[in-house]
Each structure stands twice: as structure tokens, then as C-alpha cells.
Amino acid sequence: MISKKNLTVIIVSFASNDVIFNCIDSIDDDLNIVVIENSNNLDLKKKLEQNYKNVICILNSLNSGMGAGNNFGLSKINTEYALILNPDVVLENYTISELVNASKVIDKFSILAPIHSNKDYPNYKTVKGLEHNDSNFINVISVDGYAMLLNLKRIKKALNLKDYRFFDENIFMYLENDDLCKRLINKKEKIFIIKSSKINHLGAKGVSQIFKNQIELSRNWHWSWSRYYYKKKHFGFFSALLSETPRAINSLIKFFVYSMINHNRKKIYILRFQGFLNALLGKSSSYRPKIDLDYLKN
């Protein structure tokens, strides 16, 4: 059963100055929070630790992505449970207490997650007939990575993990949460959405908006790379090829179309194609946005 004494919040940040303070303000101040700052921003670390007594900010000089950042954070805690959050989320008043209450009723779970406050943006996937009988719980096959509470001991046992690498560190961005959920579902583990626990997600706002254009390019490259990698890992080479090749060809066609009318859109579509091509060739998720973090110091 979850309690505030055996739960730690982990937030992976990358130049998240615009949103992370609102996120932390919404978290119960008697919960320990570990922030992994992937941009190595010393100023942000100082501000966070000066403003919040329950926050430890660890600088990561190597921007290793969301999954690896979360793994790094998990390696630094000793609690039985960890609530993984993105910096662009805001919890409602009873988000965490409702997760705690749910754990008193559901004794066998690997992941619990709050539900998005806007029903038009569901943060989970399920299959017909899988729902739990209790109307407050939805038995699901995956949850979005911006808010997921991990039962660490149970997950380690189910996946036979010898260390803290819960997330696949080959994935830099996107689907690292789906990958973890898929591996757990394959082991017959349970994942639940708790409908009485609600959360707000800004969506694609985790990085300071002065870097918006470069981050958008990075997202498009990694979305294509991660889709192919995930499909190949779980369903095989031919399934990935059949699923993702039409998308890649469509991106290449749009690249040529937008080359004549819109330079920014042209960049997006060629990066989508390049992400797919790199994954197809077995190359790592190596693309990084070209940003100058010194702007944050001004």
C-alpha cells in the first residue's frame, strides 16, 4: 500500500523553467521530489532547492532523454513507489491522495495513473472487456508517460530487473512508457487508471518556449525513430516495416511539396523521414536539438 513516506516524485526536466515551478507547486509539500535536470542548468537547480525544502535537483551533464533520465532518478531513491511526472503537468487537489486510496483497494498492480482532466485527451489505451468492475478504476494496457506511479518492487520482480533500468534507454523520447507497459502486460501485470485522481497536462510545453522551433524538429525526428524501434522490438522487423514505411514515404512526399511553399514544414517532414531511416538502419536515437542554453541565464 502506498503512503507518502514510501513514495518519491521524479521529474525529468530539460530547460523547463517556464513550467516546472507550477508543477512542483501542485505537489503535496510533504512528498520528496527528485528533479533530474538534463540541461545541466545550475541556475535552475539553485532556484528549485532554495524555493522548495522537499526538492533535490540533480544535474545531468549528458542529455540522455526521458527514459534514461527517469532511470537515473530511480537509481537515487530508496522508496517502494515512484511517481513519474513531466514538468508540464499540474496536479489537482486530491491527485496523489486518490492514488494512495486506490492502492488500499487494488493490492496487485504494477502501475497506477491519474486520468487527464480533459476527457477529450485520454492518457491511456485499453481493450474492450478489460475494464475493472469498480467504476473508479479502468484496467488498461498502457498509460502516457507524463504521469505514472510505479510499484518498483513488483515491476523489478515481474521483469527480472537486476538494476534500476526500468525504461529502455535506447529510446530518447516517445514510447518509452508504452514499452514499459507492454513488457508488463506481457507478464500479466496490471495497470490501472484511477478516475478520481485527475491531472492537467499542457502538452509539448516541457521545454522553455524560446526553444520551441528546435524542440519541434527534435520531436518529429524522434517520433518516427521511436515508432519504428517500438514496433520492431515488440512485433518484429516485417511488422515495423509494413507499418512505418508508408508514413515515411508520405513524409518524403510532403518534404518535396513543402520545399516550394514552406521552409519550416519542409524541415519537419525531412526529419520525420530521417528518423525512420535511422531506425531502419539500426542507428541510435542520436538527434539532438540545436539550442543555446545560455539564453536561460539572461
C-alpha atoms as a PDB file:
ATOM      1  CA  MET A   1       0.000   0.000   0.000  1.00  0.00           C
ATOM      2  CA  ILE A   2       1.252   3.456  -0.909  1.00  0.00           C
ATOM      3  CA  SER A   3       1.916   6.123   1.691  1.00  0.00           C
ATOM      4  CA  LYS A   4       3.663   9.461   1.453  1.00  0.00           C
ATOM      5  CA  LYS A   5       6.608   8.011   3.351  1.00  0.00           C
ATOM      6  CA  ASN A   6       7.300   5.335   0.739  1.00  0.00           C
ATOM      7  CA  LEU A   7       6.626   7.457  -2.355  1.00  0.00           C
ATOM      8  CA  THR A   8       9.039   9.740  -4.227  1.00  0.00           C
ATOM      9  CA  VAL A   9       8.176  12.042  -7.131  1.00  0.00           C
ATOM     10  CA  ILE A  10      10.623  12.081 -10.044  1.00  0.00           C
ATOM     11  CA  ILE A  11      10.585  14.842 -12.662  1.00  0.00           C
ATOM     12  CA  VAL A  12      12.926  14.846 -15.641  1.00  0.00           C
ATOM     13  CA  SER A  13      13.485  18.418 -16.768  1.00  0.00           C
ATOM     14  CA  PHE A  14      15.230  19.948 -19.750  1.00  0.00           C
ATOM     15  CA  ALA A  15      15.264  23.749 -19.674  1.00  0.00           C
ATOM     16  CA  SER A  16      11.788  23.554 -18.121  1.00  0.00           C
ATOM     17  CA  ASN A  17      11.952  26.948 -16.406  1.00  0.00           C
ATOM     18  CA  ASP A  18       8.581  28.039 -17.840  1.00  0.00           C
ATOM     19  CA  VAL A  19       6.521  25.257 -16.270  1.00  0.00           C
ATOM     20  CA  ILE A  20       8.319  23.265 -13.585  1.00  0.00           C
ATOM     21  CA  PHE A  21       7.518  25.656 -10.729  1.00  0.00           C
ATOM     22  CA  ASN A  22       3.771  25.348 -11.384  1.00  0.00           C
ATOM     23  CA  CYS A  23       4.190  21.587 -11.448  1.00  0.00           C
ATOM     24  CA  ILE A  24       6.002  21.449  -8.101  1.00  0.00           C
ATOM     25  CA  ASP A  25       3.587  23.956  -6.519  1.00  0.00           C
ATOM     26  CA  SER A  26       0.770  21.490  -7.234  1.00  0.00           C
ATOM     27  CA  ILE A  27       2.512  18.574  -5.454  1.00  0.00           C
ATOM     28  CA  ASP A  28       1.987  17.947  -1.737  1.00  0.00           C
ATOM     29  CA  ASP A  29       4.843  19.656   0.070  1.00  0.00           C
ATOM     30  CA  ASP A  30       5.385  16.675   2.379  1.00  0.00           C
ATOM     31  CA  LEU A  31       6.438  14.485  -0.552  1.00  0.00           C
ATOM     32  CA  ASN A  32      10.065  14.124  -1.543  1.00  0.00           C
ATOM     33  CA  ILE A  33      10.777  15.257  -5.095  1.00  0.00           C
ATOM     34  CA  VAL A  34      13.827  14.464  -7.196  1.00  0.00           C
ATOM     35  CA  VAL A  35      14.356  16.613 -10.298  1.00  0.00           C
ATOM     36  CA  ILE A  36      16.790  15.339 -12.919  1.00  0.00           C
ATOM     37  CA  GLU A  37      17.884  18.420 -14.875  1.00  0.00           C
ATOM     38  CA  ASN A  38      19.088  17.158 -18.251  1.00  0.00           C
ATOM     39  CA  SER A  39      20.288  20.563 -19.455  1.00  0.00           C
ATOM     40  CA  ASN A  40      22.788  20.830 -16.592  1.00  0.00           C
ATOM     41  CA  ASN A  41      21.243  24.180 -15.646  1.00  0.00           C
ATOM     42  CA  LEU A  42      22.893  25.206 -12.361  1.00  0.00           C
ATOM     43  CA  ASP A  43      20.713  28.320 -12.022  1.00  0.00           C
ATOM     44  CA  LEU A  44      17.546  26.215 -12.148  1.00  0.00           C
ATOM     45  CA  LYS A  45      18.957  23.822  -9.555  1.00  0.00           C
ATOM     46  CA  LYS A  46      19.667  26.702  -7.174  1.00  0.00           C
ATOM     47  CA  LYS A  47      16.194  28.213  -7.617  1.00  0.00           C
ATOM     48  CA  LEU A  48      14.423  24.899  -7.082  1.00  0.00           C
ATOM     49  CA  GLU A  49      16.358  23.942  -3.979  1.00  0.00           C
ATOM     50  CA  GLN A  50      16.061  27.444  -2.499  1.00  0.00           C
ATOM     51  CA  ASN A  51      12.299  27.590  -3.064  1.00  0.00           C
ATOM     52  CA  TYR A  52      11.349  24.045  -2.036  1.00  0.00           C
ATOM     53  CA  LYS A  53      12.668  22.209   1.030  1.00  0.00           C
ATOM     54  CA  ASN A  54      11.360  18.890  -0.319  1.00  0.00           C
ATOM     55  CA  VAL A  55      13.182  19.133  -3.686  1.00  0.00           C
ATOM     56  CA  ILE A  56      16.574  17.744  -4.638  1.00  0.00           C
ATOM     57  CA  CYS A  57      17.748  18.732  -8.123  1.00  0.00           C
ATOM     58  CA  ILE A  58      20.446  16.577  -9.698  1.00  0.00           C
ATOM     59  CA  LEU A  59      22.268  17.959 -12.716  1.00  0.00           C
ATOM     60  CA  ASN A  60      22.830  15.580 -15.601  1.00  0.00           C
ATOM     61  CA  SER A  61      25.543  16.869 -17.929  1.00  0.00           C
ATOM     62  CA  LEU A  62      24.588  14.273 -20.539  1.00  0.00           C
ATOM     63  CA  ASN A  63      21.156  14.857 -22.086  1.00  0.00           C
ATOM     64  CA  SER A  64      20.233  11.184 -22.226  1.00  0.00           C
ATOM     65  CA  GLY A  65      16.495  11.524 -22.746  1.00  0.00           C
ATOM     66  CA  MET A  66      13.330  10.891 -20.754  1.00  0.00           C
ATOM     67  CA  GLY A  67      13.677   7.173 -20.112  1.00  0.00           C
ATOM     68  CA  ALA A  68      17.338   7.303 -19.128  1.00  0.00           C
ATOM     69  CA  GLY A  69      16.678  10.417 -17.031  1.00  0.00           C
ATOM     70  CA  ASN A  70      13.915   8.631 -15.144  1.00  0.00           C
ATOM     71  CA  ASN A  71      16.164   5.615 -14.637  1.00  0.00           C
ATOM     72  CA  PHE A  72      18.832   7.928 -13.247  1.00  0.00           C
ATOM     73  CA  GLY A  73      16.306   9.373 -10.826  1.00  0.00           C
ATOM     74  CA  LEU A  74      15.105   5.910  -9.810  1.00  0.00           C
ATOM     75  CA  SER A  75      18.691   4.945  -9.011  1.00  0.00           C
ATOM     76  CA  LYS A  76      18.820   7.774  -6.454  1.00  0.00           C
ATOM     77  CA  ILE A  77      15.780   6.844  -4.329  1.00  0.00           C
ATOM     78  CA  ASN A  78      15.010   4.207  -1.725  1.00  0.00           C
ATOM     79  CA  THR A  79      11.202   4.275  -1.615  1.00  0.00           C
ATOM     80  CA  GLU A  80       8.968   1.420  -2.779  1.00  0.00           C
ATOM     81  CA  TYR A  81       6.985   3.631  -5.143  1.00  0.00           C
ATOM     82  CA  ALA A  82       7.828   6.416  -7.579  1.00  0.00           C
ATOM     83  CA  LEU A  83       5.506   8.880  -9.272  1.00  0.00           C
ATOM     84  CA  ILE A  84       6.982   9.807 -12.656  1.00  0.00           C
ATOM     85  CA  LEU A  85       5.870  13.259 -13.820  1.00  0.00           C
ATOM     86  CA  ASN A  86       6.659  15.521 -16.741  1.00  0.00           C
ATOM     87  CA  PRO A  87       7.388  19.139 -15.794  1.00  0.00           C
ATOM     88  CA  ASP A  88       4.430  20.406 -17.852  1.00  0.00           C
ATOM     89  CA  VAL A  89       1.753  18.787 -15.672  1.00  0.00           C
ATOM     90  CA  VAL A  90      -0.259  20.297 -12.837  1.00  0.00           C
ATOM     91  CA  LEU A  91      -1.914  18.067 -10.258  1.00  0.00           C
ATOM     92  CA  GLU A  92      -5.368  18.753  -8.874  1.00  0.00           C
ATOM     93  CA  ASN A  93      -6.055  18.949  -5.129  1.00  0.00           C
ATOM     94  CA  TYR A  94      -6.527  15.236  -4.486  1.00  0.00           C
ATOM     95  CA  THR A  95      -4.487  13.694  -7.307  1.00  0.00           C
ATOM     96  CA  ILE A  96      -1.976  11.928  -5.073  1.00  0.00           C
ATOM     97  CA  SER A  97      -4.318  11.145  -2.173  1.00  0.00           C
ATOM     98  CA  GLU A  98      -6.696   9.390  -4.585  1.00  0.00           C
ATOM     99  CA  LEU A  99      -3.832   7.273  -5.908  1.00  0.00           C
ATOM    100  CA  VAL A 100      -2.957   6.386  -2.320  1.00  0.00           C
ATOM    101  CA  ASN A 101      -6.589   5.471  -1.595  1.00  0.00           C
ATOM    102  CA  ALA A 102      -6.782   3.319  -4.708  1.00  0.00           C
ATOM    103  CA  SER A 103      -3.718   1.350  -3.606  1.00  0.00           C
ATOM    104  CA  LYS A 104      -5.638   0.295  -0.483  1.00  0.00           C
ATOM    105  CA  VAL A 105      -8.192  -1.436  -2.672  1.00  0.00           C
ATOM    106  CA  ILE A 106      -6.020  -2.656  -5.556  1.00  0.00           C
ATOM    107  CA  ASP A 107      -3.324  -4.720  -3.906  1.00  0.00           C
ATOM    108  CA  LYS A 108      -1.773  -6.166  -7.068  1.00  0.00           C
ATOM    109  CA  PHE A 109      -0.675  -3.529  -9.541  1.00  0.00           C
ATOM    110  CA  SER A 110       2.479  -2.513 -11.341  1.00  0.00           C
ATOM    111  CA  ILE A 111       1.354   0.956 -12.430  1.00  0.00           C
ATOM    112  CA  LEU A 112      -1.352   3.372 -11.316  1.00  0.00           C
ATOM    113  CA  ALA A 113      -2.010   6.641 -13.121  1.00  0.00           C
ATOM    114  CA  PRO A 114      -4.306   9.642 -12.727  1.00  0.00           C
ATOM    115  CA  ILE A 115      -6.681  10.482 -15.537  1.00  0.00           C
ATOM    116  CA  HIS A 116      -6.404  13.581 -17.727  1.00  0.00           C
ATOM    117  CA  SER A 117      -8.921  16.173 -16.558  1.00  0.00           C
ATOM    118  CA  ASN A 118      -9.990  16.732 -20.177  1.00  0.00           C
ATOM    119  CA  LYS A 119     -11.812  13.623 -21.375  1.00  0.00           C
ATOM    120  CA  ASP A 120     -11.071  14.583 -24.980  1.00  0.00           C
ATOM    121  CA  TYR A 121      -7.405  13.758 -24.351  1.00  0.00           C
ATOM    122  CA  PRO A 122      -7.337  10.276 -22.787  1.00  0.00           C
ATOM    123  CA  ASN A 123      -3.948   9.354 -21.367  1.00  0.00           C
ATOM    124  CA  TYR A 124      -4.396   5.606 -21.665  1.00  0.00           C
ATOM    125  CA  LYS A 125      -5.161   2.732 -24.019  1.00  0.00           C
ATOM    126  CA  THR A 126      -7.432  -0.169 -23.223  1.00  0.00           C
ATOM    127  CA  VAL A 127      -9.186  -3.037 -24.964  1.00  0.00           C
ATOM    128  CA  LYS A 128     -12.877  -3.844 -24.895  1.00  0.00           C
ATOM    129  CA  GLY A 129     -13.879  -6.030 -21.981  1.00  0.00           C
ATOM    130  CA  LEU A 130     -10.743  -5.369 -19.955  1.00  0.00           C
ATOM    131  CA  GLU A 131     -12.227  -2.709 -17.670  1.00  0.00           C
ATOM    132  CA  HIS A 132     -12.319  -3.319 -13.911  1.00  0.00           C
ATOM    133  CA  ASN A 133     -15.733  -3.787 -12.299  1.00  0.00           C
ATOM    134  CA  ASP A 134     -15.226  -0.846  -9.971  1.00  0.00           C
ATOM    135  CA  SER A 135     -16.313   2.319 -11.799  1.00  0.00           C
ATOM    136  CA  ASN A 136     -13.391   4.276 -10.320  1.00  0.00           C
ATOM    137  CA  PHE A 137     -10.763   2.028 -11.920  1.00  0.00           C
ATOM    138  CA  ILE A 138     -10.012   1.387 -15.568  1.00  0.00           C
ATOM    139  CA  ASN A 139      -7.862  -1.643 -16.302  1.00  0.00           C
ATOM    140  CA  VAL A 140      -5.651  -0.513 -19.183  1.00  0.00           C
ATOM    141  CA  ILE A 141      -2.805  -1.774 -21.352  1.00  0.00           C
ATOM    142  CA  SER A 142      -0.752   1.439 -21.302  1.00  0.00           C
ATOM    143  CA  VAL A 143      -0.652   4.947 -19.832  1.00  0.00           C
ATOM    144  CA  ASP A 144       1.009   8.115 -21.063  1.00  0.00           C
ATOM    145  CA  GLY A 145       4.427   8.769 -19.600  1.00  0.00           C
ATOM    146  CA  TYR A 146       3.706  12.227 -18.218  1.00  0.00           C
ATOM    147  CA  ALA A 147       2.116  10.736 -15.091  1.00  0.00           C
ATOM    148  CA  MET A 148       2.642   7.150 -13.952  1.00  0.00           C
ATOM    149  CA  LEU A 149       3.076   5.738 -10.458  1.00  0.00           C
ATOM    150  CA  LEU A 150       5.402   2.733 -10.423  1.00  0.00           C
ATOM    151  CA  ASN A 151       5.301  -0.140  -7.954  1.00  0.00           C
ATOM    152  CA  LEU A 152       9.059  -0.589  -8.109  1.00  0.00           C
ATOM    153  CA  LYS A 153       9.469  -3.829  -6.193  1.00  0.00           C
ATOM    154  CA  ARG A 154       6.710  -5.569  -8.142  1.00  0.00           C
ATOM    155  CA  ILE A 155       7.991  -4.337 -11.509  1.00  0.00           C
ATOM    156  CA  LYS A 156      11.542  -5.431 -10.760  1.00  0.00           C
ATOM    157  CA  LYS A 157      10.314  -8.906  -9.881  1.00  0.00           C
ATOM    158  CA  ALA A 158       7.999  -9.179 -12.893  1.00  0.00           C
ATOM    159  CA  LEU A 159      10.660  -8.075 -15.375  1.00  0.00           C
ATOM    160  CA  ASN A 160      13.556  -9.731 -13.549  1.00  0.00           C
ATOM    161  CA  LEU A 161      15.438  -6.446 -13.354  1.00  0.00           C
ATOM    162  CA  LYS A 162      18.816  -6.529 -11.662  1.00  0.00           C
ATOM    163  CA  ASP A 163      19.196  -2.744 -11.505  1.00  0.00           C
ATOM    164  CA  TYR A 164      17.193   0.475 -11.876  1.00  0.00           C
ATOM    165  CA  ARG A 165      16.806   0.383 -15.680  1.00  0.00           C
ATOM    166  CA  PHE A 166      13.024   0.270 -15.776  1.00  0.00           C
ATOM    167  CA  PHE A 167      12.821   2.235 -19.034  1.00  0.00           C
ATOM    168  CA  ASP A 168      14.533   1.242 -22.301  1.00  0.00           C
ATOM    169  CA  GLU A 169      17.419   3.702 -22.595  1.00  0.00           C
ATOM    170  CA  ASN A 170      17.714   3.156 -26.342  1.00  0.00           C
ATOM    171  CA  ILE A 171      14.628   5.365 -26.632  1.00  0.00           C
ATOM    172  CA  PHE A 172      15.468   9.047 -26.247  1.00  0.00           C
ATOM    173  CA  MET A 173      11.924  10.382 -26.487  1.00  0.00           C
ATOM    174  CA  TYR A 174       8.432   8.902 -27.058  1.00  0.00           C
ATOM    175  CA  LEU A 175       7.055   5.426 -26.366  1.00  0.00           C
ATOM    176  CA  GLU A 176       9.432   4.589 -23.526  1.00  0.00           C
ATOM    177  CA  ASN A 177       6.286   4.469 -21.376  1.00  0.00           C
ATOM    178  CA  ASP A 178       4.459   2.232 -23.875  1.00  0.00           C
ATOM    179  CA  ASP A 179       7.466  -0.054 -23.970  1.00  0.00           C
ATOM    180  CA  LEU A 180       7.466  -0.467 -20.183  1.00  0.00           C
ATOM    181  CA  CYS A 181       3.711  -1.052 -20.154  1.00  0.00           C
ATOM    182  CA  LYS A 182       3.943  -3.588 -22.988  1.00  0.00           C
ATOM    183  CA  ARG A 183       6.632  -5.582 -21.178  1.00  0.00           C
ATOM    184  CA  LEU A 184       4.485  -5.619 -18.029  1.00  0.00           C
ATOM    185  CA  ILE A 185       1.309  -6.635 -19.862  1.00  0.00           C
ATOM    186  CA  ASN A 186       3.274  -9.479 -21.468  1.00  0.00           C
ATOM    187  CA  LYS A 187       3.985 -10.662 -17.910  1.00  0.00           C
ATOM    188  CA  LYS A 188       0.264 -10.458 -16.995  1.00  0.00           C
ATOM    189  CA  GLU A 189       0.831  -7.470 -14.729  1.00  0.00           C
ATOM    190  CA  LYS A 190      -1.934  -4.954 -14.016  1.00  0.00           C
ATOM    191  CA  ILE A 191      -2.055  -1.271 -14.962  1.00  0.00           C
ATOM    192  CA  PHE A 192      -4.874   0.976 -13.770  1.00  0.00           C
ATOM    193  CA  ILE A 193      -6.191   4.460 -14.425  1.00  0.00           C
ATOM    194  CA  ILE A 194      -7.786   5.972 -11.309  1.00  0.00           C
ATOM    195  CA  LYS A 195     -10.687   8.144 -12.413  1.00  0.00           C
ATOM    196  CA  SER A 196     -10.969  10.075  -9.138  1.00  0.00           C
ATOM    197  CA  SER A 197      -7.305  11.132  -9.452  1.00  0.00           C
ATOM    198  CA  LYS A 198      -7.072  13.914 -12.031  1.00  0.00           C
ATOM    199  CA  ILE A 199      -4.207  15.744 -13.672  1.00  0.00           C
ATOM    200  CA  ASN A 200      -3.741  18.545 -16.176  1.00  0.00           C
ATOM    201  CA  HIS A 201      -1.187  18.259 -18.958  1.00  0.00           C
ATOM    202  CA  LEU A 202      -0.138  21.242 -21.044  1.00  0.00           C
ATOM    203  CA  GLY A 203       1.286  19.007 -23.779  1.00  0.00           C
ATOM    204  CA  ALA A 204       4.610  19.657 -25.532  1.00  0.00           C
ATOM    205  CA  LYS A 205       5.365  22.568 -23.177  1.00  0.00           C
ATOM    206  CA  GLY A 206       8.035  20.910 -21.031  1.00  0.00           C
ATOM    207  CA  VAL A 207      10.901  22.864 -22.592  1.00  0.00           C
ATOM    208  CA  SER A 208      11.161  26.660 -22.460  1.00  0.00           C
ATOM    209  CA  GLN A 209       9.183  28.117 -25.358  1.00  0.00           C
ATOM    210  CA  ILE A 210      12.124  30.187 -26.600  1.00  0.00           C
ATOM    211  CA  PHE A 211      13.403  26.880 -27.982  1.00  0.00           C
ATOM    212  CA  LYS A 212      10.040  25.903 -29.460  1.00  0.00           C
ATOM    213  CA  ASN A 213      11.127  25.553 -33.099  1.00  0.00           C
ATOM    214  CA  GLN A 214      14.186  23.422 -32.423  1.00  0.00           C
ATOM    215  CA  ILE A 215      12.295  21.202 -29.983  1.00  0.00           C
ATOM    216  CA  GLU A 216       9.538  20.683 -32.561  1.00  0.00           C
ATOM    217  CA  LEU A 217      12.112  19.470 -35.072  1.00  0.00           C
ATOM    218  CA  SER A 218      13.561  17.103 -32.495  1.00  0.00           C
ATOM    219  CA  ARG A 219      10.144  15.721 -31.599  1.00  0.00           C
ATOM    220  CA  ASN A 220       9.364  14.880 -35.211  1.00  0.00           C
ATOM    221  CA  TRP A 221      12.666  13.043 -35.721  1.00  0.00           C
ATOM    222  CA  HIS A 222      12.270  11.031 -32.512  1.00  0.00           C
ATOM    223  CA  TRP A 223       8.590  10.251 -33.055  1.00  0.00           C
ATOM    224  CA  SER A 224       9.452   8.444 -36.293  1.00  0.00           C
ATOM    225  CA  TRP A 225      12.526   6.753 -34.805  1.00  0.00           C
ATOM    226  CA  SER A 226      10.691   5.559 -31.717  1.00  0.00           C
ATOM    227  CA  ARG A 227       7.661   4.275 -33.598  1.00  0.00           C
ATOM    228  CA  TYR A 228       9.810   2.029 -35.790  1.00  0.00           C
ATOM    229  CA  TYR A 229      12.004   0.888 -32.891  1.00  0.00           C
ATOM    230  CA  TYR A 230       8.991   0.045 -30.707  1.00  0.00           C
ATOM    231  CA  LYS A 231       7.203  -1.864 -33.455  1.00  0.00           C
ATOM    232  CA  LYS A 232      10.315  -3.841 -34.356  1.00  0.00           C
ATOM    233  CA  LYS A 233      11.122  -4.655 -30.710  1.00  0.00           C
ATOM    234  CA  HIS A 234       7.674  -5.978 -29.885  1.00  0.00           C
ATOM    235  CA  PHE A 235       6.219  -7.183 -33.183  1.00  0.00           C
ATOM    236  CA  GLY A 236       9.205  -7.901 -35.412  1.00  0.00           C
ATOM    237  CA  PHE A 237      11.014  -6.425 -38.404  1.00  0.00           C
ATOM    238  CA  PHE A 238       8.343  -7.038 -41.041  1.00  0.00           C
ATOM    239  CA  SER A 239       5.553  -5.630 -38.894  1.00  0.00           C
ATOM    240  CA  ALA A 240       7.576  -2.464 -38.267  1.00  0.00           C
ATOM    241  CA  LEU A 241       8.476  -2.144 -41.932  1.00  0.00           C
ATOM    242  CA  LEU A 242       4.880  -2.624 -43.084  1.00  0.00           C
ATOM    243  CA  SER A 243       3.537  -0.177 -40.510  1.00  0.00           C
ATOM    244  CA  GLU A 244       6.079   2.629 -40.768  1.00  0.00           C
ATOM    245  CA  THR A 245       7.237   2.643 -44.413  1.00  0.00           C
ATOM    246  CA  PRO A 246       4.004   4.267 -45.727  1.00  0.00           C
ATOM    247  CA  ARG A 247       4.367   7.015 -43.121  1.00  0.00           C
ATOM    248  CA  ALA A 248       7.985   7.572 -44.158  1.00  0.00           C
ATOM    249  CA  ILE A 249       7.107   7.753 -47.848  1.00  0.00           C
ATOM    250  CA  ASN A 250       4.302  10.198 -47.057  1.00  0.00           C
ATOM    251  CA  SER A 251       6.783  12.368 -45.125  1.00  0.00           C
ATOM    252  CA  LEU A 252       9.194  12.334 -48.065  1.00  0.00           C
ATOM    253  CA  ILE A 253       6.444  13.377 -50.479  1.00  0.00           C
ATOM    254  CA  LYS A 254       5.409  16.225 -48.179  1.00  0.00           C
ATOM    255  CA  PHE A 255       9.043  17.295 -47.893  1.00  0.00           C
ATOM    256  CA  PHE A 256       9.188  17.855 -51.668  1.00  0.00           C
ATOM    257  CA  VAL A 257       5.812  19.618 -51.687  1.00  0.00           C
ATOM    258  CA  TYR A 258       6.696  21.967 -48.833  1.00  0.00           C
ATOM    259  CA  SER A 259      10.147  22.654 -50.291  1.00  0.00           C
ATOM    260  CA  MET A 260       8.353  25.003 -52.657  1.00  0.00           C
ATOM    261  CA  ILE A 261       5.955  26.677 -50.213  1.00  0.00           C
ATOM    262  CA  ASN A 262       7.018  26.416 -46.559  1.00  0.00           C
ATOM    263  CA  HIS A 263      10.604  26.110 -45.359  1.00  0.00           C
ATOM    264  CA  ASN A 264       9.736  25.196 -41.745  1.00  0.00           C
ATOM    265  CA  ARG A 265       7.322  22.443 -42.726  1.00  0.00           C
ATOM    266  CA  LYS A 266       9.915  21.129 -45.148  1.00  0.00           C
ATOM    267  CA  LYS A 267      12.345  20.642 -42.252  1.00  0.00           C
ATOM    268  CA  ILE A 268       9.756  18.794 -40.186  1.00  0.00           C
ATOM    269  CA  TYR A 269       8.974  16.251 -42.882  1.00  0.00           C
ATOM    270  CA  ILE A 270      12.560  15.516 -43.834  1.00  0.00           C
ATOM    271  CA  LEU A 271      13.360  14.945 -40.163  1.00  0.00           C
ATOM    272  CA  ARG A 272      10.435  12.535 -39.866  1.00  0.00           C
ATOM    273  CA  PHE A 273      11.846  10.594 -42.797  1.00  0.00           C
ATOM    274  CA  GLN A 274      15.378  10.697 -41.388  1.00  0.00           C
ATOM    275  CA  GLY A 275      14.176   9.425 -38.009  1.00  0.00           C
ATOM    276  CA  PHE A 276      12.557   6.442 -39.701  1.00  0.00           C
ATOM    277  CA  LEU A 277      15.631   5.810 -41.867  1.00  0.00           C
ATOM    278  CA  ASN A 278      17.992   5.872 -38.884  1.00  0.00           C
ATOM    279  CA  ALA A 279      15.812   3.383 -37.011  1.00  0.00           C
ATOM    280  CA  LEU A 280      15.535   1.160 -40.080  1.00  0.00           C
ATOM    281  CA  LEU A 281      19.326   1.085 -40.377  1.00  0.00           C
ATOM    282  CA  GLY A 282      19.692   0.211 -36.696  1.00  0.00           C
ATOM    283  CA  LYS A 283      21.247   3.539 -35.739  1.00  0.00           C
ATOM    284  CA  SER A 284      20.777   5.063 -32.288  1.00  0.00           C
ATOM    285  CA  SER A 285      18.279   7.792 -31.425  1.00  0.00           C
ATOM    286  CA  SER A 286      21.034  10.372 -31.768  1.00  0.00           C
ATOM    287  CA  TYR A 287      19.294  13.550 -32.936  1.00  0.00           C
ATOM    288  CA  ARG A 288      19.548  16.476 -30.501  1.00  0.00           C
ATOM    289  CA  PRO A 289      18.014  19.954 -30.785  1.00  0.00           C
ATOM    290  CA  LYS A 290      20.388  22.804 -31.583  1.00  0.00           C
ATOM    291  CA  ILE A 291      19.762  25.175 -28.696  1.00  0.00           C
ATOM    292  CA  ASP A 292      21.817  27.655 -26.705  1.00  0.00           C
ATOM    293  CA  LEU A 293      21.049  27.180 -23.013  1.00  0.00           C
ATOM    294  CA  ASP A 294      22.854  30.432 -22.146  1.00  0.00           C
ATOM    295  CA  TYR A 295      19.623  32.235 -23.085  1.00  0.00           C
ATOM    296  CA  LEU A 296      18.096  30.923 -19.848  1.00  0.00           C
ATOM    297  CA  LYS A 297      20.666  32.817 -17.797  1.00  0.00           C
ATOM    298  CA  ASN A 298      19.632  36.190 -19.133  1.00  0.00           C
END
